[in-house]
Amino acid sequence: MSVLFLEATQENCTDRITFRSQKSGRIDDNHDSLRKRFDVFYNETMGNYTNLEKITKVIRINSDDDKETVFGRITVELDKLFGVKKIEI
């Protein structure tokens, strides 16, 4: 078992969610709600992450870049995990 952990800065997450809220109409995508979500994540969820590192492999992926770059990073890590070999033609 392994865990894929996508990391992004709080600033980048805020920018993405703020952008999403402009199109989605979600009223909970505001700065007060985001601050609360980040607090819950850091105070409650990160403890689970720390425990996971003790019992399984955690693959950390920087996800601050564009989705194509992040997808490429994920693909590389999953290929390593599942032993996929690239065939050169």
N, C-alpha and C. Protein backbone atom coordinates (compact mmCIF):
# COMPACT_ATOMS: atom_id res chain seq x y z
N MET A 1 0.85 -1.17 0.00
CA MET A 1 0.00 0.00 0.00
C MET A 1 0.89 1.24 0.00
N SER A 2 0.48 2.22 -0.74
CA SER A 2 1.17 3.51 -0.77
C SER A 2 0.13 4.62 -0.78
N VAL A 3 0.59 5.80 -0.42
CA VAL A 3 -0.28 6.97 -0.40
C VAL A 3 0.33 8.03 -1.31
N LEU A 4 -0.49 8.59 -2.15
CA LEU A 4 -0.07 9.69 -3.01
C LEU A 4 -0.52 10.98 -2.34
N PHE A 5 0.44 11.82 -2.00
CA PHE A 5 0.15 13.06 -1.26
C PHE A 5 0.50 14.25 -2.14
N LEU A 6 -0.53 14.96 -2.57
CA LEU A 6 -0.34 16.13 -3.42
C LEU A 6 -0.17 17.36 -2.54
N GLU A 7 0.99 17.98 -2.65
CA GLU A 7 1.30 19.16 -1.84
C GLU A 7 1.17 20.42 -2.68
N ALA A 8 0.60 21.44 -2.09
CA ALA A 8 0.52 22.76 -2.72
C ALA A 8 0.57 23.80 -1.62
N THR A 9 1.08 24.96 -1.95
CA THR A 9 1.13 26.03 -0.95
C THR A 9 -0.29 26.49 -0.64
N GLN A 10 -0.45 27.02 0.54
CA GLN A 10 -1.75 27.55 0.94
C GLN A 10 -2.17 28.69 0.00
N GLU A 11 -1.21 29.48 -0.42
CA GLU A 11 -1.49 30.59 -1.34
C GLU A 11 -2.02 30.05 -2.67
N ASN A 12 -1.38 29.03 -3.19
CA ASN A 12 -1.81 28.45 -4.46
C ASN A 12 -3.20 27.83 -4.32
N CYS A 13 -3.45 27.12 -3.25
CA CYS A 13 -4.77 26.54 -3.02
C CYS A 13 -5.83 27.63 -2.94
N THR A 14 -5.52 28.69 -2.24
CA THR A 14 -6.46 29.81 -2.12
C THR A 14 -6.76 30.41 -3.49
N ASP A 15 -5.72 30.62 -4.28
CA ASP A 15 -5.92 31.17 -5.63
C ASP A 15 -6.80 30.25 -6.47
N ARG A 16 -6.54 28.96 -6.42
CA ARG A 16 -7.32 28.01 -7.22
C ARG A 16 -8.79 27.97 -6.79
N ILE A 17 -9.00 27.94 -5.48
CA ILE A 17 -10.37 27.87 -4.99
C ILE A 17 -11.11 29.18 -5.25
N THR A 18 -10.42 30.29 -5.13
CA THR A 18 -11.03 31.59 -5.44
C THR A 18 -11.43 31.64 -6.91
N PHE A 19 -10.57 31.15 -7.77
CA PHE A 19 -10.88 31.09 -9.20
C PHE A 19 -12.08 30.17 -9.45
N ARG A 20 -12.09 29.02 -8.78
CA ARG A 20 -13.21 28.08 -8.93
C ARG A 20 -14.52 28.72 -8.51
N SER A 21 -14.49 29.49 -7.44
CA SER A 21 -15.72 30.09 -6.92
C SER A 21 -16.34 31.08 -7.90
N GLN A 22 -15.53 31.67 -8.74
CA GLN A 22 -16.05 32.62 -9.73
C GLN A 22 -16.92 31.91 -10.76
N LYS A 23 -16.65 30.63 -11.01
CA LYS A 23 -17.40 29.88 -12.02
C LYS A 23 -18.45 28.95 -11.41
N SER A 24 -18.20 28.48 -10.19
CA SER A 24 -19.08 27.47 -9.61
C SER A 24 -20.25 28.06 -8.85
N GLY A 25 -20.09 29.27 -8.37
CA GLY A 25 -21.14 29.89 -7.57
C GLY A 25 -21.21 29.36 -6.14
N ARG A 26 -20.20 28.62 -5.73
CA ARG A 26 -20.20 28.09 -4.36
C ARG A 26 -19.99 29.23 -3.38
N ILE A 27 -20.91 29.37 -2.46
CA ILE A 27 -20.80 30.47 -1.49
C ILE A 27 -19.81 30.17 -0.38
N ASP A 28 -19.44 28.89 -0.24
CA ASP A 28 -18.49 28.53 0.83
C ASP A 28 -17.04 28.67 0.37
N ASP A 29 -16.81 29.09 -0.85
CA ASP A 29 -15.44 29.33 -1.32
C ASP A 29 -15.06 30.79 -1.10
N ASN A 30 -14.98 31.16 0.16
CA ASN A 30 -14.58 32.52 0.51
C ASN A 30 -13.42 32.46 1.49
N HIS A 31 -12.80 33.59 1.73
CA HIS A 31 -11.57 33.59 2.54
C HIS A 31 -11.80 33.11 3.97
N ASP A 32 -12.93 33.43 4.58
CA ASP A 32 -13.19 32.95 5.95
C ASP A 32 -13.33 31.43 5.98
N SER A 33 -14.08 30.89 5.03
CA SER A 33 -14.25 29.43 4.97
C SER A 33 -12.92 28.74 4.67
N LEU A 34 -12.15 29.33 3.77
CA LEU A 34 -10.85 28.73 3.42
C LEU A 34 -9.92 28.71 4.62
N ARG A 35 -9.90 29.77 5.38
CA ARG A 35 -9.05 29.82 6.56
C ARG A 35 -9.42 28.69 7.52
N LYS A 36 -10.74 28.47 7.71
CA LYS A 36 -11.20 27.40 8.59
C LYS A 36 -10.81 26.02 8.03
N ARG A 37 -10.94 25.86 6.71
CA ARG A 37 -10.56 24.58 6.09
C ARG A 37 -9.08 24.30 6.29
N PHE A 38 -8.25 25.31 6.09
CA PHE A 38 -6.82 25.12 6.29
C PHE A 38 -6.49 24.81 7.74
N ASP A 39 -7.16 25.48 8.66
CA ASP A 39 -6.94 25.19 10.08
C ASP A 39 -7.27 23.74 10.41
N VAL A 40 -8.41 23.25 9.92
CA VAL A 40 -8.80 21.86 10.16
C VAL A 40 -7.77 20.92 9.53
N PHE A 41 -7.36 21.23 8.31
CA PHE A 41 -6.38 20.38 7.64
C PHE A 41 -5.10 20.27 8.46
N TYR A 42 -4.54 21.41 8.84
CA TYR A 42 -3.26 21.39 9.56
C TYR A 42 -3.40 20.82 10.97
N ASN A 43 -4.50 21.11 11.65
CA ASN A 43 -4.65 20.69 13.04
C ASN A 43 -5.18 19.27 13.19
N GLU A 44 -5.93 18.78 12.21
CA GLU A 44 -6.54 17.46 12.35
C GLU A 44 -6.04 16.45 11.32
N THR A 45 -5.94 16.84 10.08
CA THR A 45 -5.60 15.89 9.03
C THR A 45 -4.11 15.57 8.98
N MET A 46 -3.26 16.55 9.18
CA MET A 46 -1.82 16.32 9.06
C MET A 46 -1.31 15.29 10.06
N GLY A 47 -1.97 15.14 11.19
CA GLY A 47 -1.60 14.09 12.13
C GLY A 47 -1.76 12.71 11.52
N ASN A 48 -2.83 12.53 10.74
CA ASN A 48 -3.04 11.26 10.03
C ASN A 48 -1.94 11.02 9.02
N TYR A 49 -1.54 12.07 8.35
CA TYR A 49 -0.46 11.97 7.36
C TYR A 49 0.83 11.51 8.05
N THR A 50 1.15 12.11 9.17
CA THR A 50 2.35 11.74 9.92
C THR A 50 2.30 10.26 10.32
N ASN A 51 1.12 9.80 10.74
CA ASN A 51 0.97 8.38 11.09
C ASN A 51 1.12 7.48 9.87
N LEU A 52 0.60 7.91 8.73
CA LEU A 52 0.74 7.12 7.51
C LEU A 52 2.20 6.92 7.13
N GLU A 53 3.01 7.97 7.32
CA GLU A 53 4.43 7.85 6.99
C GLU A 53 5.12 6.76 7.80
N LYS A 54 4.58 6.46 8.96
CA LYS A 54 5.17 5.44 9.82
C LYS A 54 4.83 4.03 9.37
N ILE A 55 3.71 3.88 8.64
CA ILE A 55 3.26 2.52 8.31
C ILE A 55 3.27 2.19 6.82
N THR A 56 3.46 3.19 5.97
CA THR A 56 3.45 2.91 4.54
C THR A 56 4.29 3.93 3.78
N LYS A 57 4.48 3.66 2.53
CA LYS A 57 5.23 4.60 1.68
C LYS A 57 4.32 5.75 1.30
N VAL A 58 4.79 6.97 1.51
CA VAL A 58 4.06 8.17 1.11
C VAL A 58 4.84 8.82 -0.03
N ILE A 59 4.16 8.98 -1.14
CA ILE A 59 4.77 9.60 -2.31
C ILE A 59 4.29 11.05 -2.36
N ARG A 60 5.22 11.96 -2.15
CA ARG A 60 4.89 13.39 -2.12
C ARG A 60 5.07 13.97 -3.52
N ILE A 61 4.04 14.67 -3.97
CA ILE A 61 4.05 15.29 -5.29
C ILE A 61 3.81 16.79 -5.13
N ASN A 62 4.72 17.59 -5.67
CA ASN A 62 4.51 19.03 -5.69
C ASN A 62 3.43 19.32 -6.73
N SER A 63 2.31 19.89 -6.29
CA SER A 63 1.21 20.14 -7.21
C SER A 63 0.93 21.63 -7.40
N ASP A 64 1.96 22.44 -7.18
CA ASP A 64 1.79 23.88 -7.36
C ASP A 64 1.79 24.30 -8.84
N ASP A 65 2.26 23.44 -9.72
CA ASP A 65 2.36 23.80 -11.13
C ASP A 65 1.04 23.52 -11.86
N ASP A 66 1.04 23.71 -13.17
CA ASP A 66 -0.16 23.47 -13.97
C ASP A 66 -0.51 21.99 -13.97
N LYS A 67 -1.75 21.69 -14.32
CA LYS A 67 -2.24 20.32 -14.19
C LYS A 67 -1.49 19.32 -15.08
N GLU A 68 -1.01 19.75 -16.23
CA GLU A 68 -0.26 18.84 -17.09
C GLU A 68 1.05 18.43 -16.44
N THR A 69 1.75 19.39 -15.84
CA THR A 69 3.01 19.10 -15.16
C THR A 69 2.78 18.19 -13.96
N VAL A 70 1.75 18.48 -13.18
CA VAL A 70 1.44 17.66 -12.01
C VAL A 70 1.06 16.25 -12.44
N PHE A 71 0.26 16.14 -13.49
CA PHE A 71 -0.11 14.82 -14.01
C PHE A 71 1.14 14.04 -14.42
N GLY A 72 2.08 14.71 -15.05
CA GLY A 72 3.33 14.07 -15.44
C GLY A 72 4.09 13.54 -14.23
N ARG A 73 4.15 14.33 -13.18
CA ARG A 73 4.83 13.88 -11.95
C ARG A 73 4.14 12.66 -11.35
N ILE A 74 2.81 12.70 -11.33
CA ILE A 74 2.05 11.58 -10.78
C ILE A 74 2.30 10.33 -11.62
N THR A 75 2.27 10.47 -12.92
CA THR A 75 2.50 9.35 -13.82
C THR A 75 3.86 8.71 -13.59
N VAL A 76 4.89 9.53 -13.46
CA VAL A 76 6.24 9.01 -13.22
C VAL A 76 6.26 8.19 -11.93
N GLU A 77 5.67 8.72 -10.87
CA GLU A 77 5.68 8.02 -9.58
C GLU A 77 4.86 6.73 -9.63
N LEU A 78 3.71 6.77 -10.29
CA LEU A 78 2.90 5.56 -10.38
C LEU A 78 3.57 4.51 -11.26
N ASP A 79 4.24 4.96 -12.32
CA ASP A 79 4.99 4.01 -13.16
C ASP A 79 6.07 3.32 -12.33
N LYS A 80 6.76 4.08 -11.48
CA LYS A 80 7.78 3.47 -10.61
C LYS A 80 7.14 2.50 -9.63
N LEU A 81 6.03 2.90 -9.08
CA LEU A 81 5.35 2.09 -8.08
C LEU A 81 4.88 0.76 -8.65
N PHE A 82 4.34 0.80 -9.86
CA PHE A 82 3.79 -0.40 -10.47
C PHE A 82 4.76 -1.09 -11.41
N GLY A 83 5.98 -0.58 -11.50
CA GLY A 83 7.02 -1.22 -12.30
C GLY A 83 6.80 -1.12 -13.79
N VAL A 84 6.18 -0.05 -14.23
CA VAL A 84 5.94 0.12 -15.65
C VAL A 84 7.24 0.59 -16.30
N LYS A 85 7.61 -0.08 -17.36
CA LYS A 85 8.82 0.28 -18.10
C LYS A 85 8.43 1.00 -19.38
N LYS A 86 9.07 2.09 -19.66
CA LYS A 86 8.85 2.82 -20.90
C LYS A 86 9.59 2.12 -22.03
N ILE A 87 8.93 1.95 -23.14
CA ILE A 87 9.53 1.33 -24.31
C ILE A 87 9.94 2.43 -25.26
N GLU A 88 11.21 2.47 -25.59
CA GLU A 88 11.72 3.44 -26.55
C GLU A 88 11.59 2.88 -27.95
N ILE A 89 11.07 3.66 -28.84
CA ILE A 89 10.93 3.22 -30.23
C ILE A 89 11.89 3.96 -31.12
